[in-house]
Amino acid sequence: MKFLMWVCVDPELVGTAEDCPDDWVAEAGVRRLEGSQLRSVADATTLWPRDGGTFVSDGPFAETKEQIAGYDILDCADLAEAIDIAAAHPVAKFGAIELRPVWE
């Protein structure tokens, strides 16, 4: 079962996702199919196609303190295994991790 894992942080509480050591990646092993750090919300673009046009806005859609700093795609036996892997992520100590099953 595949899961998308959003790594969410409050930029005021942490420097960058570079603080994330490679040992978590090694521990996740083959269950981590892909992942990367995302650029700052200053580089984000949100769009809404409506009424024959596309409205474009700078920045993220959500006005929240926590922002998505990175993602990983996990391939786990079940949600319990995905939770174990996500809980071990270094950002989980001061940020939030969101898991969503991938529609397959």
C-alpha atoms as a PDB file:
ATOM      1  CA  MET A   1       0.000   0.000   0.000  1.00  0.00           C
ATOM      2  CA  LYS A   2       1.459   3.370  -1.015  1.00  0.00           C
ATOM      3  CA  PHE A   3       1.310   6.476   1.169  1.00  0.00           C
ATOM      4  CA  LEU A   4       2.161  10.090   0.457  1.00  0.00           C
ATOM      5  CA  MET A   5       3.909  11.570   3.477  1.00  0.00           C
ATOM      6  CA  TRP A   6       3.857  15.369   3.813  1.00  0.00           C
ATOM      7  CA  VAL A   7       6.573  16.754   6.082  1.00  0.00           C
ATOM      8  CA  CYS A   8       5.180  19.955   7.642  1.00  0.00           C
ATOM      9  CA  VAL A   9       7.128  22.514   9.663  1.00  0.00           C
ATOM     10  CA  ASP A  10       6.728  25.946  11.204  1.00  0.00           C
ATOM     11  CA  PRO A  11       9.554  27.921   9.566  1.00  0.00           C
ATOM     12  CA  GLU A  12       9.984  29.958  12.755  1.00  0.00           C
ATOM     13  CA  LEU A  13      10.838  26.817  14.731  1.00  0.00           C
ATOM     14  CA  VAL A  14      13.353  25.214  12.415  1.00  0.00           C
ATOM     15  CA  GLY A  15      16.046  26.167   9.927  1.00  0.00           C
ATOM     16  CA  THR A  16      15.367  23.900   6.956  1.00  0.00           C
ATOM     17  CA  ALA A  17      14.537  20.342   6.091  1.00  0.00           C
ATOM     18  CA  GLU A  18      18.282  19.931   5.517  1.00  0.00           C
ATOM     19  CA  ASP A  19      18.344  19.139   9.246  1.00  0.00           C
ATOM     20  CA  CYS A  20      16.942  15.756   8.221  1.00  0.00           C
ATOM     21  CA  PRO A  21      19.795  13.229   8.420  1.00  0.00           C
ATOM     22  CA  ASP A  22      20.344  10.468   5.921  1.00  0.00           C
ATOM     23  CA  ASP A  23      19.982   7.783   8.595  1.00  0.00           C
ATOM     24  CA  TRP A  24      16.159   8.074   8.440  1.00  0.00           C
ATOM     25  CA  VAL A  25      16.310   7.455   4.685  1.00  0.00           C
ATOM     26  CA  ALA A  26      18.556   4.441   5.253  1.00  0.00           C
ATOM     27  CA  GLU A  27      16.241   3.113   7.980  1.00  0.00           C
ATOM     28  CA  ALA A  28      13.162   3.441   5.751  1.00  0.00           C
ATOM     29  CA  GLY A  29      15.058   1.501   3.094  1.00  0.00           C
ATOM     30  CA  VAL A  30      13.108   0.126   0.154  1.00  0.00           C
ATOM     31  CA  ARG A  31       9.835   1.249   1.717  1.00  0.00           C
ATOM     32  CA  ARG A  32      10.734   4.857   0.774  1.00  0.00           C
ATOM     33  CA  LEU A  33      10.185   5.005  -2.977  1.00  0.00           C
ATOM     34  CA  GLU A  34      10.895   8.697  -3.451  1.00  0.00           C
ATOM     35  CA  GLY A  35      11.156  11.961  -1.554  1.00  0.00           C
ATOM     36  CA  SER A  36      12.514  15.472  -1.639  1.00  0.00           C
ATOM     37  CA  GLN A  37      12.647  18.797   0.120  1.00  0.00           C
ATOM     38  CA  LEU A  38      10.408  21.483  -1.376  1.00  0.00           C
ATOM     39  CA  ARG A  39      11.346  25.085  -2.066  1.00  0.00           C
ATOM     40  CA  SER A  40      10.072  27.862   0.207  1.00  0.00           C
ATOM     41  CA  VAL A  41       6.420  28.959   0.171  1.00  0.00           C
ATOM     42  CA  ALA A  42       7.730  32.199  -1.360  1.00  0.00           C
ATOM     43  CA  ASP A  43       8.128  30.152  -4.570  1.00  0.00           C
ATOM     44  CA  ALA A  44       4.648  28.614  -4.386  1.00  0.00           C
ATOM     45  CA  THR A  45       1.890  29.285  -6.909  1.00  0.00           C
ATOM     46  CA  THR A  46      -1.768  28.410  -6.377  1.00  0.00           C
ATOM     47  CA  LEU A  47      -4.280  28.322  -9.222  1.00  0.00           C
ATOM     48  CA  TRP A  48      -8.016  27.986  -9.571  1.00  0.00           C
ATOM     49  CA  PRO A  49      -9.420  27.239 -13.047  1.00  0.00           C
ATOM     50  CA  ARG A  50     -12.888  28.836 -12.986  1.00  0.00           C
ATOM     51  CA  ASP A  51     -15.428  30.246 -15.419  1.00  0.00           C
ATOM     52  CA  GLY A  52     -13.267  29.779 -18.507  1.00  0.00           C
ATOM     53  CA  GLY A  53     -10.164  31.359 -16.975  1.00  0.00           C
ATOM     54  CA  THR A  54      -7.410  30.492 -14.559  1.00  0.00           C
ATOM     55  CA  PHE A  55      -6.859  32.598 -11.472  1.00  0.00           C
ATOM     56  CA  VAL A  56      -3.259  32.500 -10.265  1.00  0.00           C
ATOM     57  CA  SER A  57      -1.949  33.593  -6.875  1.00  0.00           C
ATOM     58  CA  ASP A  58       1.548  33.768  -5.417  1.00  0.00           C
ATOM     59  CA  GLY A  59       2.125  31.702  -2.312  1.00  0.00           C
ATOM     60  CA  PRO A  60       0.373  28.721  -0.792  1.00  0.00           C
ATOM     61  CA  PHE A  61      -3.410  28.372  -0.689  1.00  0.00           C
ATOM     62  CA  ALA A  62      -3.558  27.820   3.071  1.00  0.00           C
ATOM     63  CA  GLU A  63      -2.776  30.723   5.382  1.00  0.00           C
ATOM     64  CA  THR A  64      -1.216  28.712   8.194  1.00  0.00           C
ATOM     65  CA  LYS A  65       2.019  28.834  10.132  1.00  0.00           C
ATOM     66  CA  GLU A  66       2.983  25.281   9.243  1.00  0.00           C
ATOM     67  CA  GLN A  67       4.027  24.754   5.657  1.00  0.00           C
ATOM     68  CA  ILE A  68       4.811  21.642   3.643  1.00  0.00           C
ATOM     69  CA  ALA A  69       8.597  21.407   3.579  1.00  0.00           C
ATOM     70  CA  GLY A  70       8.971  18.080   1.791  1.00  0.00           C
ATOM     71  CA  TYR A  71       7.385  14.802   0.839  1.00  0.00           C
ATOM     72  CA  ASP A  72       8.097  11.107   0.700  1.00  0.00           C
ATOM     73  CA  ILE A  73       6.271   8.263  -1.003  1.00  0.00           C
ATOM     74  CA  LEU A  74       6.223   5.128   1.109  1.00  0.00           C
ATOM     75  CA  ASP A  75       5.294   1.589   0.118  1.00  0.00           C
ATOM     76  CA  CYS A  76       4.241  -0.224   3.302  1.00  0.00           C
ATOM     77  CA  ALA A  77       2.291  -3.317   4.250  1.00  0.00           C
ATOM     78  CA  ASP A  78      -0.348  -1.187   6.004  1.00  0.00           C
ATOM     79  CA  LEU A  79      -1.038   2.098   7.795  1.00  0.00           C
ATOM     80  CA  ALA A  80       0.590   0.862  11.005  1.00  0.00           C
ATOM     81  CA  GLU A  81       3.913   0.340   9.240  1.00  0.00           C
ATOM     82  CA  ALA A  82       3.646   3.765   7.553  1.00  0.00           C
ATOM     83  CA  ILE A  83       2.994   5.375  10.951  1.00  0.00           C
ATOM     84  CA  ASP A  84       6.087   3.695  12.419  1.00  0.00           C
ATOM     85  CA  ILE A  85       8.266   5.016   9.593  1.00  0.00           C
ATOM     86  CA  ALA A  86       6.743   8.507   9.691  1.00  0.00           C
ATOM     87  CA  ALA A  87       7.052   8.774  13.473  1.00  0.00           C
ATOM     88  CA  ALA A  88      10.784   8.087  13.193  1.00  0.00           C
ATOM     89  CA  HIS A  89      11.308  11.010  10.766  1.00  0.00           C
ATOM     90  CA  PRO A  90      13.480  13.689  12.432  1.00  0.00           C
ATOM     91  CA  VAL A  91      10.994  16.482  11.636  1.00  0.00           C
ATOM     92  CA  ALA A  92       8.292  14.626  13.587  1.00  0.00           C
ATOM     93  CA  LYS A  93      10.020  15.847  16.782  1.00  0.00           C
ATOM     94  CA  PHE A  94       9.079  19.489  16.119  1.00  0.00           C
ATOM     95  CA  GLY A  95       6.789  19.484  13.081  1.00  0.00           C
ATOM     96  CA  ALA A  96       3.925  17.375  11.792  1.00  0.00           C
ATOM     97  CA  ILE A  97       3.765  14.453   9.408  1.00  0.00           C
ATOM     98  CA  GLU A  98       0.633  13.797   7.357  1.00  0.00           C
ATOM     99  CA  LEU A  99       0.062  10.402   5.741  1.00  0.00           C
ATOM    100  CA  ARG A 100      -2.412   9.854   2.938  1.00  0.00           C
ATOM    101  CA  PRO A 101      -3.007   6.609   1.074  1.00  0.00           C
ATOM    102  CA  VAL A 102      -2.376   6.896  -2.670  1.00  0.00           C
ATOM    103  CA  TRP A 103      -5.414   6.112  -4.773  1.00  0.00           C
ATOM    104  CA  GLU A 104      -4.444   3.037  -6.813  1.00  0.00           C
END
